[in-house]
PDB file of N, CA and C in Angstrom:
ATOM      1  N   MET A   1      -2.080  -8.426   9.917  1.00  0.00           N
ATOM      2  CA  MET A   1      -2.413  -7.852   8.633  1.00  0.00           C
ATOM      3  C   MET A   1      -3.173  -8.879   7.798  1.00  0.00           C
ATOM      4  N   SER A   2      -4.067  -8.384   6.979  1.00  0.00           N
ATOM      5  CA  SER A   2      -4.789  -9.271   6.076  1.00  0.00           C
ATOM      6  C   SER A   2      -3.883  -9.640   4.909  1.00  0.00           C
ATOM      7  N   SER A   3      -4.250 -10.690   4.195  1.00  0.00           N
ATOM      8  CA  SER A   3      -3.423 -11.104   3.060  1.00  0.00           C
ATOM      9  C   SER A   3      -3.410 -10.029   1.971  1.00  0.00           C
ATOM     10  N   THR A   4      -4.518  -9.289   1.801  1.00  0.00           N
ATOM     11  CA  THR A   4      -4.554  -8.204   0.826  1.00  0.00           C
ATOM     12  C   THR A   4      -3.588  -7.106   1.234  1.00  0.00           C
ATOM     13  N   LEU A   5      -3.597  -6.742   2.479  1.00  0.00           N
ATOM     14  CA  LEU A   5      -2.695  -5.709   2.965  1.00  0.00           C
ATOM     15  C   LEU A   5      -1.250  -6.176   2.902  1.00  0.00           C
ATOM     16  N   ASP A   6      -1.012  -7.426   3.247  1.00  0.00           N
ATOM     17  CA  ASP A   6       0.339  -7.989   3.120  1.00  0.00           C
ATOM     18  C   ASP A   6       0.834  -7.853   1.688  1.00  0.00           C
ATOM     19  N   ARG A   7      -0.043  -8.134   0.736  1.00  0.00           N
ATOM     20  CA  ARG A   7       0.320  -8.058  -0.673  1.00  0.00           C
ATOM     21  C   ARG A   7       0.631  -6.612  -1.076  1.00  0.00           C
ATOM     22  N   LEU A   8      -0.173  -5.663  -0.599  1.00  0.00           N
ATOM     23  CA  LEU A   8       0.079  -4.257  -0.915  1.00  0.00           C
ATOM     24  C   LEU A   8       1.414  -3.788  -0.344  1.00  0.00           C
ATOM     25  N   VAL A   9       1.706  -4.178   0.886  1.00  0.00           N
ATOM     26  CA  VAL A   9       2.988  -3.818   1.509  1.00  0.00           C
ATOM     27  C   VAL A   9       4.129  -4.423   0.708  1.00  0.00           C
ATOM     28  N   MET A  10       4.004  -5.681   0.317  1.00  0.00           N
ATOM     29  CA  MET A  10       5.039  -6.347  -0.462  1.00  0.00           C
ATOM     30  C   MET A  10       5.242  -5.638  -1.805  1.00  0.00           C
ATOM     31  N   MET A  11       4.149  -5.317  -2.479  1.00  0.00           N
ATOM     32  CA  MET A  11       4.241  -4.637  -3.775  1.00  0.00           C
ATOM     33  C   MET A  11       4.875  -3.251  -3.630  1.00  0.00           C
ATOM     34  N   ALA A  12       4.451  -2.499  -2.627  1.00  0.00           N
ATOM     35  CA  ALA A  12       5.007  -1.161  -2.404  1.00  0.00           C
ATOM     36  C   ALA A  12       6.506  -1.244  -2.126  1.00  0.00           C
ATOM     37  N   ASN A  13       6.922  -2.208  -1.316  1.00  0.00           N
ATOM     38  CA  ASN A  13       8.348  -2.369  -1.017  1.00  0.00           C
ATOM     39  C   ASN A  13       9.131  -2.795  -2.253  1.00  0.00           C
ATOM     40  N   GLN A  14       8.528  -3.614  -3.129  1.00  0.00           N
ATOM     41  CA  GLN A  14       9.196  -3.994  -4.374  1.00  0.00           C
ATOM     42  C   GLN A  14       9.419  -2.769  -5.260  1.00  0.00           C
ATOM     43  N   ILE A  15       8.406  -1.921  -5.342  1.00  0.00           N
ATOM     44  CA  ILE A  15       8.538  -0.682  -6.109  1.00  0.00           C
ATOM     45  C   ILE A  15       9.659   0.165  -5.510  1.00  0.00           C
ATOM     46  N   GLY A  16       9.675   0.250  -4.188  1.00  0.00           N
ATOM     47  CA  GLY A  16      10.726   1.000  -3.512  1.00  0.00           C
ATOM     48  C   GLY A  16      12.106   0.463  -3.811  1.00  0.00           C
ATOM     49  N   ARG A  17      12.252  -0.855  -3.804  1.00  0.00           N
ATOM     50  CA  ARG A  17      13.560  -1.452  -4.090  1.00  0.00           C
ATOM     51  C   ARG A  17      13.977  -1.226  -5.539  1.00  0.00           C
ATOM     52  N   PHE A  18      13.019  -1.070  -6.444  1.00  0.00           N
ATOM     53  CA  PHE A  18      13.334  -0.766  -7.836  1.00  0.00           C
ATOM     54  C   PHE A  18      13.850   0.667  -7.965  1.00  0.00           C
ATOM     55  N   PHE A  19      13.143   1.612  -7.354  1.00  0.00           N
ATOM     56  CA  PHE A  19      13.476   3.020  -7.525  1.00  0.00           C
ATOM     57  C   PHE A  19      14.663   3.481  -6.684  1.00  0.00           C
ATOM     58  N   THR A  20      14.899   2.899  -5.541  1.00  0.00           N
ATOM     59  CA  THR A  20      15.943   3.394  -4.640  1.00  0.00           C
ATOM     60  C   THR A  20      17.327   3.425  -5.288  1.00  0.00           C
ATOM     61  N   PRO A  21      17.812   2.345  -5.893  1.00  0.00           N
ATOM     62  CA  PRO A  21      19.154   2.440  -6.481  1.00  0.00           C
ATOM     63  C   PRO A  21      19.191   3.249  -7.774  1.00  0.00           C
ATOM     64  N   GLN A  22      18.066   3.378  -8.465  1.00  0.00           N
ATOM     65  CA  GLN A  22      18.051   4.054  -9.750  1.00  0.00           C
ATOM     66  C   GLN A  22      17.915   5.566  -9.640  1.00  0.00           C
ATOM     67  N   ARG A  23      17.291   6.034  -8.583  1.00  0.00           N
ATOM     68  CA  ARG A  23      17.004   7.456  -8.475  1.00  0.00           C
ATOM     69  C   ARG A  23      17.864   8.159  -7.430  1.00  0.00           C
ATOM     70  N   GLY A  24      18.647   7.403  -6.702  1.00  0.00           N
ATOM     71  CA  GLY A  24      19.463   8.030  -5.672  1.00  0.00           C
ATOM     72  C   GLY A  24      18.608   8.796  -4.683  1.00  0.00           C
ATOM     73  N   GLY A  25      18.867  10.075  -4.506  1.00  0.00           N
ATOM     74  CA  GLY A  25      18.137  10.888  -3.552  1.00  0.00           C
ATOM     75  C   GLY A  25      16.701  11.188  -3.945  1.00  0.00           C
ATOM     76  N   ASP A  26      16.324  10.889  -5.190  1.00  0.00           N
ATOM     77  CA  ASP A  26      14.977  11.182  -5.666  1.00  0.00           C
ATOM     78  C   ASP A  26      14.092   9.931  -5.686  1.00  0.00           C
ATOM     79  N   ALA A  27      14.514   8.883  -5.013  1.00  0.00           N
ATOM     80  CA  ALA A  27      13.766   7.626  -5.014  1.00  0.00           C
ATOM     81  C   ALA A  27      12.353   7.812  -4.472  1.00  0.00           C
ATOM     82  N   VAL A  28      12.199   8.597  -3.433  1.00  0.00           N
ATOM     83  CA  VAL A  28      10.891   8.792  -2.803  1.00  0.00           C
ATOM     84  C   VAL A  28       9.912   9.392  -3.814  1.00  0.00           C
ATOM     85  N   ALA A  29      10.380  10.376  -4.581  1.00  0.00           N
ATOM     86  CA  ALA A  29       9.518  10.988  -5.594  1.00  0.00           C
ATOM     87  C   ALA A  29       9.130   9.973  -6.655  1.00  0.00           C
ATOM     88  N   GLY A  30      10.056   9.131  -7.066  1.00  0.00           N
ATOM     89  CA  GLY A  30       9.763   8.096  -8.062  1.00  0.00           C
ATOM     90  C   GLY A  30       8.741   7.092  -7.565  1.00  0.00           C
ATOM     91  N   ILE A  31       8.892   6.688  -6.311  1.00  0.00           N
ATOM     92  CA  ILE A  31       7.953   5.732  -5.705  1.00  0.00           C
ATOM     93  C   ILE A  31       6.568   6.362  -5.625  1.00  0.00           C
ATOM     94  N   ALA A  32       6.502   7.589  -5.111  1.00  0.00           N
ATOM     95  CA  ALA A  32       5.206   8.269  -4.974  1.00  0.00           C
ATOM     96  C   ALA A  32       4.544   8.452  -6.332  1.00  0.00           C
ATOM     97  N   ASP A  33       5.320   8.830  -7.333  1.00  0.00           N
ATOM     98  CA  ASP A  33       4.786   9.026  -8.677  1.00  0.00           C
ATOM     99  C   ASP A  33       4.227   7.720  -9.229  1.00  0.00           C
ATOM    100  N   HIS A  34       4.957   6.640  -9.040  1.00  0.00           N
ATOM    101  CA  HIS A  34       4.494   5.337  -9.523  1.00  0.00           C
ATOM    102  C   HIS A  34       3.188   4.927  -8.837  1.00  0.00           C
ATOM    103  N   LEU A  35       3.145   5.056  -7.530  1.00  0.00           N
ATOM    104  CA  LEU A  35       1.931   4.690  -6.798  1.00  0.00           C
ATOM    105  C   LEU A  35       0.751   5.552  -7.249  1.00  0.00           C
ATOM    106  N   GLU A  36       0.993   6.842  -7.408  1.00  0.00           N
ATOM    107  CA  GLU A  36      -0.068   7.769  -7.812  1.00  0.00           C
ATOM    108  C   GLU A  36      -0.602   7.428  -9.206  1.00  0.00           C
ATOM    109  N   LYS A  37       0.291   7.114 -10.123  1.00  0.00           N
ATOM    110  CA  LYS A  37      -0.110   6.867 -11.510  1.00  0.00           C
ATOM    111  C   LYS A  37      -0.704   5.482 -11.753  1.00  0.00           C
ATOM    112  N   PHE A  38      -0.161   4.466 -11.096  1.00  0.00           N
ATOM    113  CA  PHE A  38      -0.483   3.103 -11.489  1.00  0.00           C
ATOM    114  C   PHE A  38      -1.309   2.299 -10.495  1.00  0.00           C
ATOM    115  N   TRP A  39      -1.422   2.760  -9.268  1.00  0.00           N
ATOM    116  CA  TRP A  39      -2.217   2.008  -8.303  1.00  0.00           C
ATOM    117  C   TRP A  39      -3.670   2.436  -8.371  1.00  0.00           C
ATOM    118  N   ASP A  40      -4.536   1.461  -8.292  1.00  0.00           N
ATOM    119  CA  ASP A  40      -5.978   1.680  -8.234  1.00  0.00           C
ATOM    120  C   ASP A  40      -6.301   2.538  -7.002  1.00  0.00           C
ATOM    121  N   PRO A  41      -7.314   3.399  -7.081  1.00  0.00           N
ATOM    122  CA  PRO A  41      -7.653   4.239  -5.923  1.00  0.00           C
ATOM    123  C   PRO A  41      -7.891   3.449  -4.634  1.00  0.00           C
ATOM    124  N   ARG A  42      -8.477   2.269  -4.748  1.00  0.00           N
ATOM    125  CA  ARG A  42      -8.697   1.461  -3.533  1.00  0.00           C
ATOM    126  C   ARG A  42      -7.384   0.984  -2.942  1.00  0.00           C
ATOM    127  N   MET A  43      -6.436   0.627  -3.810  1.00  0.00           N
ATOM    128  CA  MET A  43      -5.122   0.203  -3.319  1.00  0.00           C
ATOM    129  C   MET A  43      -4.446   1.344  -2.574  1.00  0.00           C
ATOM    130  N   LYS A  44      -4.491   2.534  -3.183  1.00  0.00           N
ATOM    131  CA  LYS A  44      -3.880   3.700  -2.528  1.00  0.00           C
ATOM    132  C   LYS A  44      -4.579   4.006  -1.205  1.00  0.00           C
ATOM    133  N   GLU A  45      -5.892   3.929  -1.204  1.00  0.00           N
ATOM    134  CA  GLU A  45      -6.642   4.187   0.028  1.00  0.00           C
ATOM    135  C   GLU A  45      -6.233   3.212   1.132  1.00  0.00           C
ATOM    136  N   ASN A  46      -6.090   1.948   0.777  1.00  0.00           N
ATOM    137  CA  ASN A  46      -5.711   0.929   1.766  1.00  0.00           C
ATOM    138  C   ASN A  46      -4.285   1.113   2.272  1.00  0.00           C
ATOM    139  N   ILE A  47      -3.347   1.437   1.372  1.00  0.00           N
ATOM    140  CA  ILE A  47      -1.962   1.582   1.822  1.00  0.00           C
ATOM    141  C   ILE A  47      -1.805   2.862   2.644  1.00  0.00           C
ATOM    142  N   VAL A  48      -2.557   3.911   2.304  1.00  0.00           N
ATOM    143  CA  VAL A  48      -2.507   5.143   3.101  1.00  0.00           C
ATOM    144  C   VAL A  48      -3.090   4.886   4.489  1.00  0.00           C
ATOM    145  N   ALA A  49      -4.197   4.148   4.558  1.00  0.00           N
ATOM    146  CA  ALA A  49      -4.787   3.822   5.864  1.00  0.00           C
ATOM    147  C   ALA A  49      -3.792   3.015   6.699  1.00  0.00           C
ATOM    148  N   HIS A  50      -3.096   2.091   6.069  1.00  0.00           N
ATOM    149  CA  HIS A  50      -2.079   1.300   6.769  1.00  0.00           C
ATOM    150  C   HIS A  50      -0.939   2.215   7.241  1.00  0.00           C
ATOM    151  N   TRP A  51      -0.509   3.144   6.396  1.00  0.00           N
ATOM    152  CA  TRP A  51       0.539   4.105   6.747  1.00  0.00           C
ATOM    153  C   TRP A  51       0.117   4.940   7.949  1.00  0.00           C
ATOM    154  N   ARG A  52      -1.133   5.404   7.937  1.00  0.00           N
ATOM    155  CA  ARG A  52      -1.633   6.203   9.061  1.00  0.00           C
ATOM    156  C   ARG A  52      -1.684   5.403  10.349  1.00  0.00           C
ATOM    157  N   ALA A  53      -1.873   4.088  10.231  1.00  0.00           N
ATOM    158  CA  ALA A  53      -1.942   3.217  11.404  1.00  0.00           C
ATOM    159  C   ALA A  53      -0.557   2.784  11.876  1.00  0.00           C
ATOM    160  N   GLY A  54       0.490   3.316  11.270  1.00  0.00           N
ATOM    161  CA  GLY A  54       1.842   2.993  11.703  1.00  0.00           C
ATOM    162  C   GLY A  54       2.707   2.401  10.614  1.00  0.00           C
ATOM    163  N   GLY A  55       2.105   1.849   9.574  1.00  0.00           N
ATOM    164  CA  GLY A  55       2.864   1.371   8.420  1.00  0.00           C
ATOM    165  C   GLY A  55       3.765   0.188   8.657  1.00  0.00           C
ATOM    166  N   ALA A  56       3.349  -0.743   9.497  1.00  0.00           N
ATOM    167  CA  ALA A  56       4.178  -1.924   9.779  1.00  0.00           C
ATOM    168  C   ALA A  56       4.588  -2.616   8.483  1.00  0.00           C
ATOM    169  N   GLY A  57       5.884  -2.908   8.383  1.00  0.00           N
ATOM    170  CA  GLY A  57       6.415  -3.649   7.251  1.00  0.00           C
ATOM    171  C   GLY A  57       6.840  -2.794   6.072  1.00  0.00           C
ATOM    172  N   LEU A  58       6.511  -1.514   6.072  1.00  0.00           N
ATOM    173  CA  LEU A  58       6.897  -0.646   4.959  1.00  0.00           C
ATOM    174  C   LEU A  58       8.337  -0.180   5.134  1.00  0.00           C
ATOM    175  N   ASP A  59       9.099  -0.247   4.055  1.00  0.00           N
ATOM    176  CA  ASP A  59      10.469   0.251   4.066  1.00  0.00           C
ATOM    177  C   ASP A  59      10.455   1.779   4.163  1.00  0.00           C
ATOM    178  N   GLY A  60      11.518   2.353   4.675  1.00  0.00           N
ATOM    179  CA  GLY A  60      11.602   3.791   4.909  1.00  0.00           C
ATOM    180  C   GLY A  60      11.248   4.670   3.719  1.00  0.00           C
ATOM    181  N   PRO A  61      11.876   4.459   2.546  1.00  0.00           N
ATOM    182  CA  PRO A  61      11.537   5.308   1.400  1.00  0.00           C
ATOM    183  C   PRO A  61      10.076   5.153   0.965  1.00  0.00           C
ATOM    184  N   VAL A  62       9.549   3.965   1.099  1.00  0.00           N
ATOM    185  CA  VAL A  62       8.152   3.705   0.736  1.00  0.00           C
ATOM    186  C   VAL A  62       7.228   4.430   1.708  1.00  0.00           C
ATOM    187  N   ARG A  63       7.554   4.367   2.958  1.00  0.00           N
ATOM    188  CA  ARG A  63       6.771   5.055   3.987  1.00  0.00           C
ATOM    189  C   ARG A  63       6.721   6.560   3.688  1.00  0.00           C
ATOM    190  N   GLU A  64       7.868   7.123   3.325  1.00  0.00           N
ATOM    191  CA  GLU A  64       7.926   8.546   3.010  1.00  0.00           C
ATOM    192  C   GLU A  64       7.133   8.866   1.736  1.00  0.00           C
ATOM    193  N   ALA A  65       7.235   8.001   0.740  1.00  0.00           N
ATOM    194  CA  ALA A  65       6.511   8.210  -0.524  1.00  0.00           C
ATOM    195  C   ALA A  65       5.003   8.167  -0.312  1.00  0.00           C
ATOM    196  N   ILE A  66       4.529   7.263   0.516  1.00  0.00           N
ATOM    197  CA  ILE A  66       3.096   7.174   0.785  1.00  0.00           C
ATOM    198  C   ILE A  66       2.607   8.467   1.422  1.00  0.00           C
ATOM    199  N   GLY A  67       3.433   9.080   2.257  1.00  0.00           N
ATOM    200  CA  GLY A  67       3.080  10.348   2.860  1.00  0.00           C
ATOM    201  C   GLY A  67       2.913  11.472   1.850  1.00  0.00           C
ATOM    202  N   ARG A  68       3.471  11.288   0.670  1.00  0.00           N
ATOM    203  CA  ARG A  68       3.356  12.309  -0.374  1.00  0.00           C
ATOM    204  C   ARG A  68       2.131  12.116  -1.262  1.00  0.00           C
ATOM    205  N   LEU A  69       1.466  10.984  -1.162  1.00  0.00           N
ATOM    206  CA  LEU A  69       0.291  10.751  -2.006  1.00  0.00           C
ATOM    207  C   LEU A  69      -0.819  11.729  -1.663  1.00  0.00           C
ATOM    208  N   LYS A  70      -1.628  12.042  -2.640  1.00  0.00           N
ATOM    209  CA  LYS A  70      -2.746  12.967  -2.437  1.00  0.00           C
ATOM    210  C   LYS A  70      -3.644  12.526  -1.294  1.00  0.00           C
ATOM    211  N   GLU A  71      -3.938  11.233  -1.214  1.00  0.00           N
ATOM    212  CA  GLU A  71      -4.831  10.729  -0.175  1.00  0.00           C
ATOM    213  C   GLU A  71      -4.255  10.971   1.218  1.00  0.00           C
ATOM    214  N   ALA A  72      -2.943  10.840   1.337  1.00  0.00           N
ATOM    215  CA  ALA A  72      -2.304  11.032   2.639  1.00  0.00           C
ATOM    216  C   ALA A  72      -2.300  12.499   3.029  1.00  0.00           C
ATOM    217  N   LYS A  73      -2.248  13.367   2.032  1.00  0.00           N
ATOM    218  CA  LYS A  73      -2.197  14.798   2.306  1.00  0.00           C
ATOM    219  C   LYS A  73      -3.541  15.314   2.792  1.00  0.00           C
ATOM    220  N   ARG A  74      -4.606  14.609   2.459  1.00  0.00           N
ATOM    221  CA  ARG A  74      -5.936  15.019   2.931  1.00  0.00           C
ATOM    222  C   ARG A  74      -6.121  14.559   4.362  1.00  0.00           C
ATOM    223  N   GLY A  75      -6.420  15.450   5.242  1.00  0.00           N
ATOM    224  CA  GLY A  75      -6.820  15.079   6.599  1.00  0.00           C
ATOM    225  C   GLY A  75      -5.715  14.967   7.620  1.00  0.00           C
ATOM    226  N   ALA A  76      -4.669  14.226   7.346  1.00  0.00           N
ATOM    227  CA  ALA A  76      -3.648  13.971   8.369  1.00  0.00           C
ATOM    228  C   ALA A  76      -2.342  14.660   7.965  1.00  0.00           C
ATOM    229  N   PRO A  77      -1.591  15.151   8.929  1.00  0.00           N
ATOM    230  CA  PRO A  77      -0.282  15.739   8.597  1.00  0.00           C
ATOM    231  C   PRO A  77       0.657  14.677   8.058  1.00  0.00           C
ATOM    232  N   LEU A  78       1.643  15.084   7.298  1.00  0.00           N
ATOM    233  CA  LEU A  78       2.552  14.133   6.667  1.00  0.00           C
ATOM    234  C   LEU A  78       3.358  13.321   7.665  1.00  0.00           C
ATOM    235  N   GLU A  79       3.463  13.773   8.893  1.00  0.00           N
ATOM    236  CA  GLU A  79       4.226  13.019   9.886  1.00  0.00           C
ATOM    237  C   GLU A  79       3.466  11.797  10.376  1.00  0.00           C
ATOM    238  N   ALA A  80       2.186  11.697  10.096  1.00  0.00           N
ATOM    239  CA  ALA A  80       1.404  10.540  10.550  1.00  0.00           C
ATOM    240  C   ALA A  80       2.019   9.271   9.994  1.00  0.00           C
ATOM    241  N   GLY A  81       1.983   8.226  10.790  1.00  0.00           N
ATOM    242  CA  GLY A  81       2.457   6.928  10.355  1.00  0.00           C
ATOM    243  C   GLY A  81       3.956   6.747  10.398  1.00  0.00           C
ATOM    244  N   ARG A  82       4.670   7.709  10.901  1.00  0.00           N
ATOM    245  CA  ARG A  82       6.132   7.548  10.976  1.00  0.00           C
ATOM    246  C   ARG A  82       6.529   7.055  12.309  1.00  0.00           C
TER     247      ARG A  82
END
């Protein structure tokens, strides 16, 4: 992985660790909402491409949240990258 991609994975997992204990069963929605609202389109494009390629290093809830992003919904089924 490139250092930029490493950083995106680290940031996404940090967001996941923030939302998981606070939202209980709705953590995935919180993570997806945060990524959708606050991440630059290029960041989202890169993390979705990484998710489609298998998502190495992404925590489970983060992996699921990325599948809910608009970019992930275009083109590939939501099961991609799992």
